[in-house]
Amino acid sequence: MLAFFVCAGAILYIALAPVPDHPTLSYGDKLNHALAFFVLGSLGSIAWPASARALLGGLVGYGVLIELLQWPVPGHNADPLDVLADLVGALLAMVLIKAWRAWVLRPRESTAR
């Protein structure tokens, strides 16, 4: 649980920190968003496995909050596609963690005869 909040704080810091004045890849920003929220989605799914809907809603809300906070920051812009990338990253992580749990916790077939 602590790792989730530390990661969320680091993402907020990175999102609002001054950016260097150089060109970036057009899709690099979206991949960064998806990766950051993949990590948050993974950590959140591990910490709160029974709260998938609340976690996903909270992560989308956090993504929206970050975009709103970036709006007035020089060198940043608010982009709805960033929130979509956040959603995709978080959702992918949550689906993979759920599938992993189902596989690990599946009933074992007896091999004894």
PDB file of N, CA and C in Angstrom:
ATOM      1  N   MET A   1       0.827  -1.188   0.000  1.00  0.00           N
ATOM      2  CA  MET A   1       0.000   0.000   0.000  1.00  0.00           C
ATOM      3  C   MET A   1       0.875   1.256   0.000  1.00  0.00           C
ATOM      4  N   LEU A   2       1.941   1.217   0.777  1.00  0.00           N
ATOM      5  CA  LEU A   2       2.844   2.366   0.823  1.00  0.00           C
ATOM      6  C   LEU A   2       3.457   2.616  -0.547  1.00  0.00           C
ATOM      7  N   ALA A   3       3.817   1.545  -1.242  1.00  0.00           N
ATOM      8  CA  ALA A   3       4.413   1.676  -2.576  1.00  0.00           C
ATOM      9  C   ALA A   3       3.453   2.389  -3.530  1.00  0.00           C
ATOM     10  N   PHE A   4       2.164   2.112  -3.416  1.00  0.00           N
ATOM     11  CA  PHE A   4       1.162   2.765  -4.261  1.00  0.00           C
ATOM     12  C   PHE A   4       1.191   4.277  -4.051  1.00  0.00           C
ATOM     13  N   PHE A   5       1.174   4.710  -2.803  1.00  0.00           N
ATOM     14  CA  PHE A   5       1.129   6.146  -2.514  1.00  0.00           C
ATOM     15  C   PHE A   5       2.449   6.847  -2.834  1.00  0.00           C
ATOM     16  N   VAL A   6       3.559   6.167  -2.631  1.00  0.00           N
ATOM     17  CA  VAL A   6       4.857   6.733  -3.011  1.00  0.00           C
ATOM     18  C   VAL A   6       4.905   6.911  -4.526  1.00  0.00           C
ATOM     19  N   CYS A   7       4.462   5.918  -5.248  1.00  0.00           N
ATOM     20  CA  CYS A   7       4.445   5.976  -6.713  1.00  0.00           C
ATOM     21  C   CYS A   7       3.502   7.087  -7.190  1.00  0.00           C
ATOM     22  N   ALA A   8       2.333   7.194  -6.586  1.00  0.00           N
ATOM     23  CA  ALA A   8       1.382   8.247  -6.965  1.00  0.00           C
ATOM     24  C   ALA A   8       1.994   9.627  -6.734  1.00  0.00           C
ATOM     25  N   GLY A   9       2.700   9.791  -5.630  1.00  0.00           N
ATOM     26  CA  GLY A   9       3.364  11.068  -5.354  1.00  0.00           C
ATOM     27  C   GLY A   9       4.472  11.360  -6.348  1.00  0.00           C
ATOM     28  N   ALA A  10       5.243  10.335  -6.704  1.00  0.00           N
ATOM     29  CA  ALA A  10       6.319  10.519  -7.689  1.00  0.00           C
ATOM     30  C   ALA A  10       5.746  10.894  -9.054  1.00  0.00           C
ATOM     31  N   ILE A  11       4.650  10.280  -9.430  1.00  0.00           N
ATOM     32  CA  ILE A  11       4.015  10.596 -10.714  1.00  0.00           C
ATOM     33  C   ILE A  11       3.519  12.039 -10.717  1.00  0.00           C
ATOM     34  N   LEU A  12       2.929  12.472  -9.613  1.00  0.00           N
ATOM     35  CA  LEU A  12       2.464  13.856  -9.533  1.00  0.00           C
ATOM     36  C   LEU A  12       3.641  14.823  -9.637  1.00  0.00           C
ATOM     37  N   TYR A  13       4.717  14.524  -8.940  1.00  0.00           N
ATOM     38  CA  TYR A  13       5.904  15.387  -9.004  1.00  0.00           C
ATOM     39  C   TYR A  13       6.429  15.475 -10.436  1.00  0.00           C
ATOM     40  N   ILE A  14       6.591  14.336 -11.079  1.00  0.00           N
ATOM     41  CA  ILE A  14       7.107  14.311 -12.453  1.00  0.00           C
ATOM     42  C   ILE A  14       6.174  15.055 -13.391  1.00  0.00           C
ATOM     43  N   ALA A  15       4.872  14.907 -13.183  1.00  0.00           N
ATOM     44  CA  ALA A  15       3.890  15.552 -14.059  1.00  0.00           C
ATOM     45  C   ALA A  15       3.919  17.073 -13.938  1.00  0.00           C
ATOM     46  N   LEU A  16       4.315  17.577 -12.781  1.00  0.00           N
ATOM     47  CA  LEU A  16       4.285  19.028 -12.569  1.00  0.00           C
ATOM     48  C   LEU A  16       5.671  19.672 -12.576  1.00  0.00           C
ATOM     49  N   ALA A  17       6.717  18.871 -12.659  1.00  0.00           N
ATOM     50  CA  ALA A  17       8.086  19.397 -12.649  1.00  0.00           C
ATOM     51  C   ALA A  17       8.371  20.158 -13.949  1.00  0.00           C
ATOM     52  N   PRO A  18       9.265  21.118 -13.892  1.00  0.00           N
ATOM     53  CA  PRO A  18       9.635  21.829 -15.127  1.00  0.00           C
ATOM     54  C   PRO A  18      10.181  20.844 -16.167  1.00  0.00           C
ATOM     55  N   VAL A  19       9.870  21.117 -17.416  1.00  0.00           N
ATOM     56  CA  VAL A  19      10.329  20.235 -18.494  1.00  0.00           C
ATOM     57  C   VAL A  19      11.470  20.893 -19.245  1.00  0.00           C
ATOM     58  N   PRO A  20      12.420  20.100 -19.692  1.00  0.00           N
ATOM     59  CA  PRO A  20      13.509  20.662 -20.502  1.00  0.00           C
ATOM     60  C   PRO A  20      12.964  21.186 -21.829  1.00  0.00           C
ATOM     61  N   ASP A  21      13.636  22.147 -22.373  1.00  0.00           N
ATOM     62  CA  ASP A  21      13.177  22.770 -23.620  1.00  0.00           C
ATOM     63  C   ASP A  21      13.788  22.036 -24.812  1.00  0.00           C
ATOM     64  N   HIS A  22      13.189  20.897 -25.146  1.00  0.00           N
ATOM     65  CA  HIS A  22      13.623  20.147 -26.323  1.00  0.00           C
ATOM     66  C   HIS A  22      12.432  19.377 -26.882  1.00  0.00           C
ATOM     67  N   PRO A  23      12.469  19.043 -28.155  1.00  0.00           N
ATOM     68  CA  PRO A  23      11.339  18.319 -28.735  1.00  0.00           C
ATOM     69  C   PRO A  23      11.246  16.894 -28.173  1.00  0.00           C
ATOM     70  N   THR A  24      10.026  16.382 -28.106  1.00  0.00           N
ATOM     71  CA  THR A  24       9.815  15.027 -27.618  1.00  0.00           C
ATOM     72  C   THR A  24       9.108  14.216 -28.694  1.00  0.00           C
ATOM     73  N   LEU A  25       9.129  12.919 -28.529  1.00  0.00           N
ATOM     74  CA  LEU A  25       8.410  12.049 -29.453  1.00  0.00           C
ATOM     75  C   LEU A  25       6.918  12.274 -29.286  1.00  0.00           C
ATOM     76  N   SER A  26       6.179  12.233 -30.383  1.00  0.00           N
ATOM     77  CA  SER A  26       4.746  12.524 -30.304  1.00  0.00           C
ATOM     78  C   SER A  26       3.998  11.499 -29.454  1.00  0.00           C
ATOM     79  N   TYR A  27       4.393  10.227 -29.511  1.00  0.00           N
ATOM     80  CA  TYR A  27       3.693   9.221 -28.726  1.00  0.00           C
ATOM     81  C   TYR A  27       4.408   8.896 -27.418  1.00  0.00           C
ATOM     82  N   GLY A  28       5.587   9.453 -27.217  1.00  0.00           N
ATOM     83  CA  GLY A  28       6.335   9.171 -26.001  1.00  0.00           C
ATOM     84  C   GLY A  28       5.589   9.572 -24.744  1.00  0.00           C
ATOM     85  N   ASP A  29       4.905  10.691 -24.804  1.00  0.00           N
ATOM     86  CA  ASP A  29       4.146  11.176 -23.654  1.00  0.00           C
ATOM     87  C   ASP A  29       3.026  10.204 -23.301  1.00  0.00           C
ATOM     88  N   LYS A  30       2.325   9.705 -24.291  1.00  0.00           N
ATOM     89  CA  LYS A  30       1.213   8.775 -24.041  1.00  0.00           C
ATOM     90  C   LYS A  30       1.738   7.460 -23.461  1.00  0.00           C
ATOM     91  N   LEU A  31       2.882   7.002 -23.963  1.00  0.00           N
ATOM     92  CA  LEU A  31       3.474   5.779 -23.417  1.00  0.00           C
ATOM     93  C   LEU A  31       3.903   5.982 -21.967  1.00  0.00           C
ATOM     94  N   ASN A  32       4.429   7.163 -21.662  1.00  0.00           N
ATOM     95  CA  ASN A  32       4.800   7.470 -20.273  1.00  0.00           C
ATOM     96  C   ASN A  32       3.577   7.431 -19.363  1.00  0.00           C
ATOM     97  N   HIS A  33       2.482   8.024 -19.828  1.00  0.00           N
ATOM     98  CA  HIS A  33       1.238   8.008 -19.047  1.00  0.00           C
ATOM     99  C   HIS A  33       0.754   6.581 -18.839  1.00  0.00           C
ATOM    100  N   ALA A  34       0.711   5.802 -19.913  1.00  0.00           N
ATOM    101  CA  ALA A  34       0.229   4.426 -19.815  1.00  0.00           C
ATOM    102  C   ALA A  34       1.109   3.605 -18.876  1.00  0.00           C
ATOM    103  N   LEU A  35       2.413   3.769 -18.974  1.00  0.00           N
ATOM    104  CA  LEU A  35       3.329   3.025 -18.107  1.00  0.00           C
ATOM    105  C   LEU A  35       3.168   3.434 -16.644  1.00  0.00           C
ATOM    106  N   ALA A  36       3.087   4.725 -16.394  1.00  0.00           N
ATOM    107  CA  ALA A  36       2.923   5.200 -15.013  1.00  0.00           C
ATOM    108  C   ALA A  36       1.644   4.642 -14.391  1.00  0.00           C
ATOM    109  N   PHE A  37       0.556   4.670 -15.143  1.00  0.00           N
ATOM    110  CA  PHE A  37      -0.710   4.187 -14.601  1.00  0.00           C
ATOM    111  C   PHE A  37      -0.799   2.664 -14.624  1.00  0.00           C
ATOM    112  N   PHE A  38       0.012   2.012 -15.453  1.00  0.00           N
ATOM    113  CA  PHE A  38       0.135   0.553 -15.383  1.00  0.00           C
ATOM    114  C   PHE A  38       0.741   0.178 -14.038  1.00  0.00           C
ATOM    115  N   VAL A  39       1.771   0.907 -13.630  1.00  0.00           N
ATOM    116  CA  VAL A  39       2.401   0.644 -12.332  1.00  0.00           C
ATOM    117  C   VAL A  39       1.412   0.919 -11.208  1.00  0.00           C
ATOM    118  N   LEU A  40       0.718   2.061 -11.270  1.00  0.00           N
ATOM    119  CA  LEU A  40      -0.272   2.367 -10.230  1.00  0.00           C
ATOM    120  C   LEU A  40      -1.392   1.326 -10.201  1.00  0.00           C
ATOM    121  N   GLY A  41      -1.872   0.926 -11.369  1.00  0.00           N
ATOM    122  CA  GLY A  41      -2.921  -0.087 -11.438  1.00  0.00           C
ATOM    123  C   GLY A  41      -2.459  -1.422 -10.871  1.00  0.00           C
ATOM    124  N   SER A  42      -1.218  -1.778 -11.144  1.00  0.00           N
ATOM    125  CA  SER A  42      -0.668  -3.031 -10.605  1.00  0.00           C
ATOM    126  C   SER A  42      -0.568  -2.974  -9.081  1.00  0.00           C
ATOM    127  N   LEU A  43       0.041  -1.905  -8.590  1.00  0.00           N
ATOM    128  CA  LEU A  43       0.196  -1.769  -7.135  1.00  0.00           C
ATOM    129  C   LEU A  43      -1.157  -1.693  -6.432  1.00  0.00           C
ATOM    130  N   GLY A  44      -2.084  -0.945  -7.025  1.00  0.00           N
ATOM    131  CA  GLY A  44      -3.412  -0.834  -6.433  1.00  0.00           C
ATOM    132  C   GLY A  44      -4.166  -2.145  -6.442  1.00  0.00           C
ATOM    133  N   SER A  45      -4.033  -2.915  -7.510  1.00  0.00           N
ATOM    134  CA  SER A  45      -4.709  -4.217  -7.593  1.00  0.00           C
ATOM    135  C   SER A  45      -4.159  -5.201  -6.584  1.00  0.00           C
ATOM    136  N   ILE A  46      -2.880  -5.097  -6.311  1.00  0.00           N
ATOM    137  CA  ILE A  46      -2.266  -5.973  -5.307  1.00  0.00           C
ATOM    138  C   ILE A  46      -2.690  -5.538  -3.903  1.00  0.00           C
ATOM    139  N   ALA A  47      -2.728  -4.235  -3.673  1.00  0.00           N
ATOM    140  CA  ALA A  47      -3.071  -3.721  -2.339  1.00  0.00           C
ATOM    141  C   ALA A  47      -4.556  -3.877  -2.017  1.00  0.00           C
ATOM    142  N   TRP A  48      -5.420  -3.650  -3.011  1.00  0.00           N
ATOM    143  CA  TRP A  48      -6.867  -3.684  -2.790  1.00  0.00           C
ATOM    144  C   TRP A  48      -7.542  -4.569  -3.838  1.00  0.00           C
ATOM    145  N   PRO A  49      -7.376  -5.874  -3.751  1.00  0.00           N
ATOM    146  CA  PRO A  49      -7.884  -6.759  -4.799  1.00  0.00           C
ATOM    147  C   PRO A  49      -9.409  -6.771  -4.927  1.00  0.00           C
ATOM    148  N   ALA A  50     -10.119  -6.450  -3.875  1.00  0.00           N
ATOM    149  CA  ALA A  50     -11.576  -6.506  -3.924  1.00  0.00           C
ATOM    150  C   ALA A  50     -12.207  -5.184  -4.332  1.00  0.00           C
ATOM    151  N   SER A  51     -11.405  -4.185  -4.659  1.00  0.00           N
ATOM    152  CA  SER A  51     -11.930  -2.848  -4.944  1.00  0.00           C
ATOM    153  C   SER A  51     -11.588  -2.386  -6.350  1.00  0.00           C
ATOM    154  N   ALA A  52     -11.768  -3.234  -7.340  1.00  0.00           N
ATOM    155  CA  ALA A  52     -11.345  -2.919  -8.703  1.00  0.00           C
ATOM    156  C   ALA A  52     -12.063  -1.692  -9.270  1.00  0.00           C
ATOM    157  N   ARG A  53     -13.362  -1.627  -9.122  1.00  0.00           N
ATOM    158  CA  ARG A  53     -14.112  -0.485  -9.682  1.00  0.00           C
ATOM    159  C   ARG A  53     -13.716   0.828  -9.013  1.00  0.00           C
ATOM    160  N   ALA A  54     -13.621   0.805  -7.706  1.00  0.00           N
ATOM    161  CA  ALA A  54     -13.232   2.020  -6.982  1.00  0.00           C
ATOM    162  C   ALA A  54     -11.810   2.424  -7.349  1.00  0.00           C
ATOM    163  N   LEU A  55     -10.925   1.452  -7.470  1.00  0.00           N
ATOM    164  CA  LEU A  55      -9.542   1.738  -7.836  1.00  0.00           C
ATOM    165  C   LEU A  55      -9.475   2.360  -9.223  1.00  0.00           C
ATOM    166  N   LEU A  56     -10.158   1.753 -10.187  1.00  0.00           N
ATOM    167  CA  LEU A  56     -10.129   2.282 -11.546  1.00  0.00           C
ATOM    168  C   LEU A  56     -10.724   3.687 -11.597  1.00  0.00           C
ATOM    169  N   GLY A  57     -11.833   3.899 -10.914  1.00  0.00           N
ATOM    170  CA  GLY A  57     -12.432   5.236 -10.862  1.00  0.00           C
ATOM    171  C   GLY A  57     -11.496   6.248 -10.219  1.00  0.00           C
ATOM    172  N   GLY A  58     -10.843   5.836  -9.145  1.00  0.00           N
ATOM    173  CA  GLY A  58      -9.895   6.721  -8.476  1.00  0.00           C
ATOM    174  C   GLY A  58      -8.693   7.058  -9.346  1.00  0.00           C
ATOM    175  N   LEU A  59      -8.204   6.069 -10.091  1.00  0.00           N
ATOM    176  CA  LEU A  59      -7.055   6.320 -10.958  1.00  0.00           C
ATOM    177  C   LEU A  59      -7.429   7.232 -12.127  1.00  0.00           C
ATOM    178  N   VAL A  60      -8.599   7.047 -12.680  1.00  0.00           N
ATOM    179  CA  VAL A  60      -9.046   7.952 -13.754  1.00  0.00           C
ATOM    180  C   VAL A  60      -9.213   9.366 -13.192  1.00  0.00           C
ATOM    181  N   GLY A  61      -9.804   9.469 -12.014  1.00  0.00           N
ATOM    182  CA  GLY A  61      -9.936  10.775 -11.368  1.00  0.00           C
ATOM    183  C   GLY A  61      -8.586  11.413 -11.094  1.00  0.00           C
ATOM    184  N   TYR A  62      -7.608  10.607 -10.699  1.00  0.00           N
ATOM    185  CA  TYR A  62      -6.247  11.107 -10.458  1.00  0.00           C
ATOM    186  C   TYR A  62      -5.628  11.600 -11.762  1.00  0.00           C
ATOM    187  N   GLY A  63      -5.866  10.871 -12.843  1.00  0.00           N
ATOM    188  CA  GLY A  63      -5.375  11.300 -14.150  1.00  0.00           C
ATOM    189  C   GLY A  63      -5.975  12.636 -14.569  1.00  0.00           C
ATOM    190  N   VAL A  64      -7.278  12.800 -14.342  1.00  0.00           N
ATOM    191  CA  VAL A  64      -7.949  14.069 -14.657  1.00  0.00           C
ATOM    192  C   VAL A  64      -7.379  15.188 -13.796  1.00  0.00           C
ATOM    193  N   LEU A  65      -7.187  14.922 -12.508  1.00  0.00           N
ATOM    194  CA  LEU A  65      -6.620  15.923 -11.603  1.00  0.00           C
ATOM    195  C   LEU A  65      -5.238  16.367 -12.068  1.00  0.00           C
ATOM    196  N   ILE A  66      -4.404  15.419 -12.469  1.00  0.00           N
ATOM    197  CA  ILE A  66      -3.063  15.763 -12.949  1.00  0.00           C
ATOM    198  C   ILE A  66      -3.157  16.676 -14.165  1.00  0.00           C
ATOM    199  N   GLU A  67      -4.048  16.356 -15.090  1.00  0.00           N
ATOM    200  CA  GLU A  67      -4.197  17.191 -16.288  1.00  0.00           C
ATOM    201  C   GLU A  67      -4.670  18.596 -15.921  1.00  0.00           C
ATOM    202  N   LEU A  68      -5.596  18.709 -14.986  1.00  0.00           N
ATOM    203  CA  LEU A  68      -6.076  20.033 -14.567  1.00  0.00           C
ATOM    204  C   LEU A  68      -4.966  20.828 -13.883  1.00  0.00           C
ATOM    205  N   LEU A  69      -4.144  20.143 -13.080  1.00  0.00           N
ATOM    206  CA  LEU A  69      -3.041  20.826 -12.412  1.00  0.00           C
ATOM    207  C   LEU A  69      -1.945  21.239 -13.393  1.00  0.00           C
ATOM    208  N   GLN A  70      -1.797  20.505 -14.489  1.00  0.00           N
ATOM    209  CA  GLN A  70      -0.778  20.835 -15.486  1.00  0.00           C
ATOM    210  C   GLN A  70      -1.166  22.044 -16.334  1.00  0.00           C
ATOM    211  N   TRP A  71      -2.427  22.309 -16.444  1.00  0.00           N
ATOM    212  CA  TRP A  71      -2.922  23.354 -17.339  1.00  0.00           C
ATOM    213  C   TRP A  71      -2.160  24.672 -17.205  1.00  0.00           C
ATOM    214  N   PRO A  72      -2.024  25.217 -15.975  1.00  0.00           N
ATOM    215  CA  PRO A  72      -1.329  26.512 -15.866  1.00  0.00           C
ATOM    216  C   PRO A  72       0.195  26.418 -15.768  1.00  0.00           C
ATOM    217  N   VAL A  73       0.749  25.208 -15.753  1.00  0.00           N
ATOM    218  CA  VAL A  73       2.194  25.057 -15.562  1.00  0.00           C
ATOM    219  C   VAL A  73       2.920  25.258 -16.896  1.00  0.00           C
ATOM    220  N   PRO A  74       3.885  26.176 -16.934  1.00  0.00           N
ATOM    221  CA  PRO A  74       4.629  26.402 -18.182  1.00  0.00           C
ATOM    222  C   PRO A  74       5.304  25.121 -18.671  1.00  0.00           C
ATOM    223  N   GLY A  75       5.211  24.886 -19.964  1.00  0.00           N
ATOM    224  CA  GLY A  75       5.833  23.708 -20.555  1.00  0.00           C
ATOM    225  C   GLY A  75       4.964  22.466 -20.525  1.00  0.00           C
ATOM    226  N   HIS A  76       3.799  22.569 -19.913  1.00  0.00           N
ATOM    227  CA  HIS A  76       2.870  21.432 -19.841  1.00  0.00           C
ATOM    228  C   HIS A  76       1.564  21.839 -20.519  1.00  0.00           C
ATOM    229  N   ASN A  77       0.789  20.853 -20.869  1.00  0.00           N
ATOM    230  CA  ASN A  77      -0.548  21.136 -21.387  1.00  0.00           C
ATOM    231  C   ASN A  77      -1.499  20.051 -20.922  1.00  0.00           C
ATOM    232  N   ALA A  78      -2.749  20.408 -20.822  1.00  0.00           N
ATOM    233  CA  ALA A  78      -3.776  19.439 -20.433  1.00  0.00           C
ATOM    234  C   ALA A  78      -4.279  18.764 -21.706  1.00  0.00           C
ATOM    235  N   ASP A  79      -4.203  17.456 -21.747  1.00  0.00           N
ATOM    236  CA  ASP A  79      -4.588  16.712 -22.934  1.00  0.00           C
ATOM    237  C   ASP A  79      -5.509  15.560 -22.534  1.00  0.00           C
ATOM    238  N   PRO A  80      -6.752  15.564 -23.019  1.00  0.00           N
ATOM    239  CA  PRO A  80      -7.668  14.468 -22.695  1.00  0.00           C
ATOM    240  C   PRO A  80      -7.129  13.096 -23.119  1.00  0.00           C
ATOM    241  N   LEU A  81      -6.294  13.061 -24.151  1.00  0.00           N
ATOM    242  CA  LEU A  81      -5.722  11.783 -24.574  1.00  0.00           C
ATOM    243  C   LEU A  81      -4.747  11.223 -23.531  1.00  0.00           C
ATOM    244  N   ASP A  82      -4.182  12.095 -22.700  1.00  0.00           N
ATOM    245  CA  ASP A  82      -3.348  11.620 -21.605  1.00  0.00           C
ATOM    246  C   ASP A  82      -4.185  10.816 -20.612  1.00  0.00           C
ATOM    247  N   VAL A  83      -5.392  11.282 -20.352  1.00  0.00           N
ATOM    248  CA  VAL A  83      -6.282  10.562 -19.438  1.00  0.00           C
ATOM    249  C   VAL A  83      -6.672   9.216 -20.051  1.00  0.00           C
ATOM    250  N   LEU A  84      -6.877   9.191 -21.343  1.00  0.00           N
ATOM    251  CA  LEU A  84      -7.179   7.927 -22.013  1.00  0.00           C
ATOM    252  C   LEU A  84      -5.993   6.965 -21.883  1.00  0.00           C
ATOM    253  N   ALA A  85      -4.788   7.468 -22.058  1.00  0.00           N
ATOM    254  CA  ALA A  85      -3.593   6.632 -21.884  1.00  0.00           C
ATOM    255  C   ALA A  85      -3.491   6.133 -20.441  1.00  0.00           C
ATOM    256  N   ASP A  86      -3.834   6.992 -19.475  1.00  0.00           N
ATOM    257  CA  ASP A  86      -3.856   6.588 -18.066  1.00  0.00           C
ATOM    258  C   ASP A  86      -4.830   5.426 -17.866  1.00  0.00           C
ATOM    259  N   LEU A  87      -6.018   5.574 -18.431  1.00  0.00           N
ATOM    260  CA  LEU A  87      -7.056   4.547 -18.312  1.00  0.00           C
ATOM    261  C   LEU A  87      -6.590   3.229 -18.919  1.00  0.00           C
ATOM    262  N   VAL A  88      -6.007   3.282 -20.104  1.00  0.00           N
ATOM    263  CA  VAL A  88      -5.543   2.070 -20.776  1.00  0.00           C
ATOM    264  C   VAL A  88      -4.465   1.373 -19.941  1.00  0.00           C
ATOM    265  N   GLY A  89      -3.504   2.136 -19.438  1.00  0.00           N
ATOM    266  CA  GLY A  89      -2.442   1.546 -18.619  1.00  0.00           C
ATOM    267  C   GLY A  89      -2.978   0.908 -17.352  1.00  0.00           C
ATOM    268  N   ALA A  90      -3.847   1.618 -16.644  1.00  0.00           N
ATOM    269  CA  ALA A  90      -4.405   1.099 -15.392  1.00  0.00           C
ATOM    270  C   ALA A  90      -5.272  -0.128 -15.646  1.00  0.00           C
ATOM    271  N   LEU A  91      -6.113  -0.063 -16.666  1.00  0.00           N
ATOM    272  CA  LEU A  91      -7.012  -1.177 -16.973  1.00  0.00           C
ATOM    273  C   LEU A  91      -6.224  -2.420 -17.384  1.00  0.00           C
ATOM    274  N   LEU A  92      -5.211  -2.247 -18.201  1.00  0.00           N
ATOM    275  CA  LEU A  92      -4.384  -3.381 -18.613  1.00  0.00           C
ATOM    276  C   LEU A  92      -3.728  -4.039 -17.399  1.00  0.00           C
ATOM    277  N   ALA A  93      -3.199  -3.234 -16.512  1.00  0.00           N
ATOM    278  CA  ALA A  93      -2.573  -3.779 -15.303  1.00  0.00           C
ATOM    279  C   ALA A  93      -3.576  -4.541 -14.459  1.00  0.00           C
ATOM    280  N   MET A  94      -4.749  -3.974 -14.286  1.00  0.00           N
ATOM    281  CA  MET A  94      -5.758  -4.600 -13.439  1.00  0.00           C
ATOM    282  C   MET A  94      -6.235  -5.921 -14.033  1.00  0.00           C
ATOM    283  N   VAL A  95      -6.398  -5.967 -15.340  1.00  0.00           N
ATOM    284  CA  VAL A  95      -6.816  -7.206 -16.004  1.00  0.00           C
ATOM    285  C   VAL A  95      -5.726  -8.270 -15.868  1.00  0.00           C
ATOM    286  N   LEU A  96      -4.474  -7.872 -16.074  1.00  0.00           N
ATOM    287  CA  LEU A  96      -3.377  -8.837 -15.963  1.00  0.00           C
ATOM    288  C   LEU A  96      -3.214  -9.362 -14.539  1.00  0.00           C
ATOM    289  N   ILE A  97      -3.349  -8.499 -13.552  1.00  0.00           N
ATOM    290  CA  ILE A  97      -3.240  -8.937 -12.153  1.00  0.00           C
ATOM    291  C   ILE A  97      -4.387  -9.877 -11.811  1.00  0.00           C
ATOM    292  N   LYS A  98      -5.583  -9.557 -12.279  1.00  0.00           N
ATOM    293  CA  LYS A  98      -6.738 -10.427 -12.011  1.00  0.00           C
ATOM    294  C   LYS A  98      -6.547 -11.789 -12.679  1.00  0.00           C
ATOM    295  N   ALA A  99      -6.070 -11.804 -13.913  1.00  0.00           N
ATOM    296  CA  ALA A  99      -5.835 -13.068 -14.612  1.00  0.00           C
ATOM    297  C   ALA A  99      -4.737 -13.869 -13.915  1.00  0.00           C
ATOM    298  N   TRP A 100      -3.691 -13.195 -13.477  1.00  0.00           N
ATOM    299  CA  TRP A 100      -2.608 -13.871 -12.768  1.00  0.00           C
ATOM    300  C   TRP A 100      -3.127 -14.492 -11.475  1.00  0.00           C
ATOM    301  N   ARG A 101      -3.935 -13.740 -10.747  1.00  0.00           N
ATOM    302  CA  ARG A 101      -4.503 -14.277  -9.499  1.00  0.00           C
ATOM    303  C   ARG A 101      -5.374 -15.492  -9.775  1.00  0.00           C
ATOM    304  N   ALA A 102      -6.205 -15.416 -10.814  1.00  0.00           N
ATOM    305  CA  ALA A 102      -7.081 -16.538 -11.150  1.00  0.00           C
ATOM    306  C   ALA A 102      -6.252 -17.763 -11.522  1.00  0.00           C
ATOM    307  N   TRP A 103      -5.151 -17.561 -12.215  1.00  0.00           N
ATOM    308  CA  TRP A 103      -4.305 -18.677 -12.616  1.00  0.00           C
ATOM    309  C   TRP A 103      -3.582 -19.278 -11.408  1.00  0.00           C
ATOM    310  N   VAL A 104      -3.042 -18.421 -10.561  1.00  0.00           N
ATOM    311  CA  VAL A 104      -2.306 -18.897  -9.389  1.00  0.00           C
ATOM    312  C   VAL A 104      -3.238 -19.569  -8.392  1.00  0.00           C
ATOM    313  N   LEU A 105      -4.435 -19.041  -8.220  1.00  0.00           N
ATOM    314  CA  LEU A 105      -5.365 -19.560  -7.215  1.00  0.00           C
ATOM    315  C   LEU A 105      -6.332 -20.602  -7.766  1.00  0.00           C
ATOM    316  N   ARG A 106      -6.150 -21.020  -9.015  1.00  0.00           N
ATOM    317  CA  ARG A 106      -7.070 -21.993  -9.603  1.00  0.00           C
ATOM    318  C   ARG A 106      -6.965 -23.316  -8.857  1.00  0.00           C
ATOM    319  N   PRO A 107      -8.057 -24.053  -8.850  1.00  0.00           N
ATOM    320  CA  PRO A 107      -8.003 -25.370  -8.198  1.00  0.00           C
ATOM    321  C   PRO A 107      -7.013 -26.278  -8.936  1.00  0.00           C
ATOM    322  N   ARG A 108      -6.199 -26.943  -8.194  1.00  0.00           N
ATOM    323  CA  ARG A 108      -5.201 -27.858  -8.772  1.00  0.00           C
ATOM    324  C   ARG A 108      -5.850 -29.221  -9.008  1.00  0.00           C
ATOM    325  N   GLU A 109      -5.581 -29.775 -10.169  1.00  0.00           N
ATOM    326  CA  GLU A 109      -6.061 -31.122 -10.455  1.00  0.00           C
ATOM    327  C   GLU A 109      -5.165 -32.123  -9.737  1.00  0.00           C
ATOM    328  N   SER A 110      -5.769 -33.122  -9.189  1.00  0.00           N
ATOM    329  CA  SER A 110      -4.990 -34.131  -8.486  1.00  0.00           C
ATOM    330  C   SER A 110      -4.255 -35.010  -9.482  1.00  0.00           C
ATOM    331  N   THR A 111      -2.993 -35.230  -9.217  1.00  0.00           N
ATOM    332  CA  THR A 111      -2.197 -36.080 -10.104  1.00  0.00           C
ATOM    333  C   THR A 111      -2.068 -37.492  -9.513  1.00  0.00           C
ATOM    334  N   ALA A 112      -2.600 -37.694  -8.334  1.00  0.00           N
ATOM    335  CA  ALA A 112      -2.549 -39.022  -7.702  1.00  0.00           C
ATOM    336  C   ALA A 112      -3.573 -39.932  -8.367  1.00  0.00           C
ATOM    337  N   ARG A 113      -3.185 -41.197  -8.538  1.00  0.00           N
ATOM    338  CA  ARG A 113      -4.108 -42.162  -9.163  1.00  0.00           C
ATOM    339  C   ARG A 113      -4.375 -43.273  -8.220  1.00  0.00           C
TER     340      ARG A 113
END
